[in-house]
N, C-alpha and C. Protein backbone atom coordinates (compact mmCIF):
# COMPACT_ATOMS: atom_id res chain seq x y z
N UNK A 1 147.55 158.78 166.35
CA UNK A 1 146.69 157.86 165.66
C UNK A 1 147.39 157.48 164.35
N UNK A 2 147.11 156.29 163.92
CA UNK A 2 147.76 155.78 162.73
C UNK A 2 146.76 154.94 161.94
N UNK A 3 146.74 155.11 160.62
CA UNK A 3 145.89 154.30 159.75
C UNK A 3 146.74 153.80 158.59
N UNK A 4 146.47 152.58 158.16
CA UNK A 4 147.27 151.94 157.11
C UNK A 4 146.33 151.16 156.20
N UNK A 5 146.55 151.25 154.89
CA UNK A 5 145.77 150.48 153.92
C UNK A 5 146.72 149.87 152.91
N UNK A 6 146.43 148.62 152.52
CA UNK A 6 147.27 147.92 151.56
C UNK A 6 146.38 147.14 150.61
N UNK A 7 146.64 147.28 149.31
CA UNK A 7 145.86 146.52 148.35
C UNK A 7 146.30 145.06 148.36
N UNK A 8 145.42 144.19 147.97
CA UNK A 8 145.69 142.75 148.00
C UNK A 8 145.98 142.26 146.59
N UNK A 9 147.22 142.33 146.15
CA UNK A 9 147.61 141.72 144.89
C UNK A 9 149.06 141.29 144.95
N UNK A 10 149.59 140.82 143.81
CA UNK A 10 150.94 140.25 143.77
C UNK A 10 152.01 141.23 144.28
N UNK A 11 151.93 142.47 143.86
CA UNK A 11 152.85 143.51 144.33
C UNK A 11 151.98 144.60 144.96
N UNK A 12 151.73 144.52 146.27
CA UNK A 12 150.78 145.43 146.90
C UNK A 12 151.28 146.87 146.99
N UNK A 13 150.36 147.79 146.73
CA UNK A 13 150.61 149.21 146.95
C UNK A 13 150.03 149.53 148.32
N UNK A 14 150.57 150.55 148.97
CA UNK A 14 150.13 150.86 150.32
C UNK A 14 150.12 152.35 150.56
N UNK A 15 149.44 152.73 151.62
CA UNK A 15 149.40 154.13 152.03
C UNK A 15 149.16 154.19 153.53
N UNK A 16 149.52 155.30 154.15
CA UNK A 16 149.28 155.46 155.57
C UNK A 16 149.11 156.93 155.91
N UNK A 17 148.62 157.16 157.12
CA UNK A 17 148.42 158.52 157.60
C UNK A 17 148.57 158.51 159.11
N UNK A 18 149.04 159.61 159.65
CA UNK A 18 149.16 159.76 161.10
C UNK A 18 148.58 161.11 161.52
N UNK A 19 148.15 161.17 162.76
CA UNK A 19 147.66 162.42 163.31
C UNK A 19 147.88 162.39 164.82
N UNK A 20 148.39 163.47 165.34
CA UNK A 20 148.58 163.59 166.78
C UNK A 20 147.34 164.22 167.40
N UNK A 21 146.92 163.67 168.51
CA UNK A 21 145.75 164.19 169.23
C UNK A 21 146.17 164.47 170.66
N UNK A 22 145.96 165.69 171.10
CA UNK A 22 146.29 166.05 172.48
C UNK A 22 145.24 165.46 173.41
N UNK A 23 145.68 164.86 174.47
CA UNK A 23 144.75 164.27 175.44
C UNK A 23 143.83 165.35 176.00
N UNK A 24 144.35 166.54 176.18
CA UNK A 24 143.54 167.62 176.74
C UNK A 24 142.40 168.05 175.83
N UNK A 25 142.45 167.66 174.54
CA UNK A 25 141.39 168.04 173.61
C UNK A 25 140.23 167.03 173.60
N UNK A 26 140.39 165.93 174.34
CA UNK A 26 139.36 164.89 174.35
C UNK A 26 138.48 165.07 175.58
N UNK A 27 137.18 165.10 175.38
CA UNK A 27 136.25 165.27 176.49
C UNK A 27 135.71 163.92 176.94
N UNK A 28 134.98 163.93 178.04
CA UNK A 28 134.36 162.68 178.51
C UNK A 28 133.22 162.26 177.59
N UNK A 29 132.68 163.21 176.82
CA UNK A 29 131.64 162.87 175.83
C UNK A 29 132.25 162.22 174.60
N UNK A 30 133.52 162.46 174.39
CA UNK A 30 134.23 161.84 173.28
C UNK A 30 134.54 162.80 172.14
N UNK A 31 135.45 162.37 171.32
CA UNK A 31 135.85 163.13 170.13
C UNK A 31 135.95 162.16 168.96
N UNK A 32 135.73 162.67 167.76
CA UNK A 32 135.86 161.87 166.55
C UNK A 32 137.03 162.40 165.74
N UNK A 33 137.89 161.49 165.33
CA UNK A 33 139.05 161.84 164.52
C UNK A 33 138.98 161.02 163.23
N UNK A 34 139.15 161.69 162.09
CA UNK A 34 139.13 161.00 160.81
C UNK A 34 140.49 161.11 160.14
N UNK A 35 140.94 160.00 159.57
CA UNK A 35 142.18 159.97 158.81
C UNK A 35 141.87 159.45 157.42
N UNK A 36 142.41 160.13 156.40
CA UNK A 36 142.24 159.69 155.01
C UNK A 36 143.55 159.09 154.52
N UNK A 37 143.44 157.91 153.94
CA UNK A 37 144.60 157.21 153.40
C UNK A 37 144.38 156.99 151.92
N UNK A 38 145.33 157.43 151.10
CA UNK A 38 145.25 157.25 149.65
C UNK A 38 146.27 156.20 149.23
N UNK A 39 145.79 155.22 148.44
CA UNK A 39 146.66 154.19 147.88
C UNK A 39 146.64 154.37 146.37
N UNK A 40 147.81 154.57 145.77
CA UNK A 40 147.93 154.80 144.33
C UNK A 40 148.54 153.58 143.65
N UNK A 41 147.84 153.09 142.62
CA UNK A 41 148.34 151.96 141.83
C UNK A 41 149.58 152.42 141.07
N UNK A 42 150.68 151.67 141.18
CA UNK A 42 151.91 152.13 140.54
C UNK A 42 152.41 151.22 139.42
N UNK A 43 151.63 150.20 139.07
CA UNK A 43 152.04 149.29 137.99
C UNK A 43 150.82 148.90 137.17
N UNK A 44 151.08 148.45 135.95
CA UNK A 44 150.02 147.87 135.13
C UNK A 44 149.09 148.87 134.48
N UNK A 45 148.02 148.33 133.93
CA UNK A 45 147.10 149.18 133.16
C UNK A 45 146.34 150.19 134.01
N UNK A 46 146.26 149.96 135.31
CA UNK A 46 145.55 150.90 136.19
C UNK A 46 146.52 151.84 136.92
N UNK A 47 147.75 151.89 136.47
CA UNK A 47 148.76 152.75 137.09
C UNK A 47 148.26 154.20 137.18
N UNK A 48 148.41 154.78 138.34
CA UNK A 48 147.96 156.15 138.57
C UNK A 48 146.58 156.24 139.19
N UNK A 49 145.77 155.18 139.12
CA UNK A 49 144.45 155.18 139.75
C UNK A 49 144.63 155.16 141.27
N UNK A 50 143.67 155.76 141.96
CA UNK A 50 143.77 155.86 143.41
C UNK A 50 142.53 155.32 144.10
N UNK A 51 142.76 154.77 145.27
CA UNK A 51 141.67 154.40 146.18
C UNK A 51 141.86 155.23 147.44
N UNK A 52 140.79 155.82 147.93
CA UNK A 52 140.87 156.65 149.13
C UNK A 52 140.06 155.97 150.22
N UNK A 53 140.69 155.76 151.36
CA UNK A 53 140.05 155.14 152.51
C UNK A 53 139.91 156.20 153.60
N UNK A 54 138.80 156.18 154.31
CA UNK A 54 138.63 157.08 155.43
C UNK A 54 138.40 156.25 156.69
N UNK A 55 139.28 156.43 157.66
CA UNK A 55 139.18 155.73 158.94
C UNK A 55 138.64 156.71 159.97
N UNK A 56 137.63 156.29 160.72
CA UNK A 56 137.03 157.14 161.74
C UNK A 56 137.26 156.51 163.11
N UNK A 57 137.85 157.29 164.00
CA UNK A 57 138.12 156.84 165.36
C UNK A 57 137.28 157.66 166.33
N UNK A 58 136.66 157.00 167.27
CA UNK A 58 135.94 157.69 168.35
C UNK A 58 136.74 157.47 169.62
N UNK A 59 137.16 158.58 170.20
CA UNK A 59 138.01 158.55 171.39
C UNK A 59 137.25 159.16 172.55
N UNK A 60 137.34 158.50 173.70
CA UNK A 60 136.60 158.99 174.86
C UNK A 60 137.42 158.76 176.12
N UNK A 61 137.43 159.76 176.98
CA UNK A 61 138.11 159.60 178.28
C UNK A 61 137.22 158.75 179.18
N UNK A 62 137.86 157.91 179.96
CA UNK A 62 137.10 157.13 180.94
C UNK A 62 136.84 158.00 182.14
N UNK A 63 135.64 157.87 182.67
CA UNK A 63 135.31 158.69 183.85
C UNK A 63 135.58 157.96 185.13
């Protein structure tokens, strides 16, 4: 799984996260996987400030 976040400004800052999920760990009822992505401002007066995004994926095997 992969999640990516990018701020929308002249020089965008970005962040990403990955997580491996074994197919054998997913049931027919489904599984929920969460990834947290942190984007840190690296220029200007807000330099060092962070935004944290949480992406939630619901994965389910087809029956």
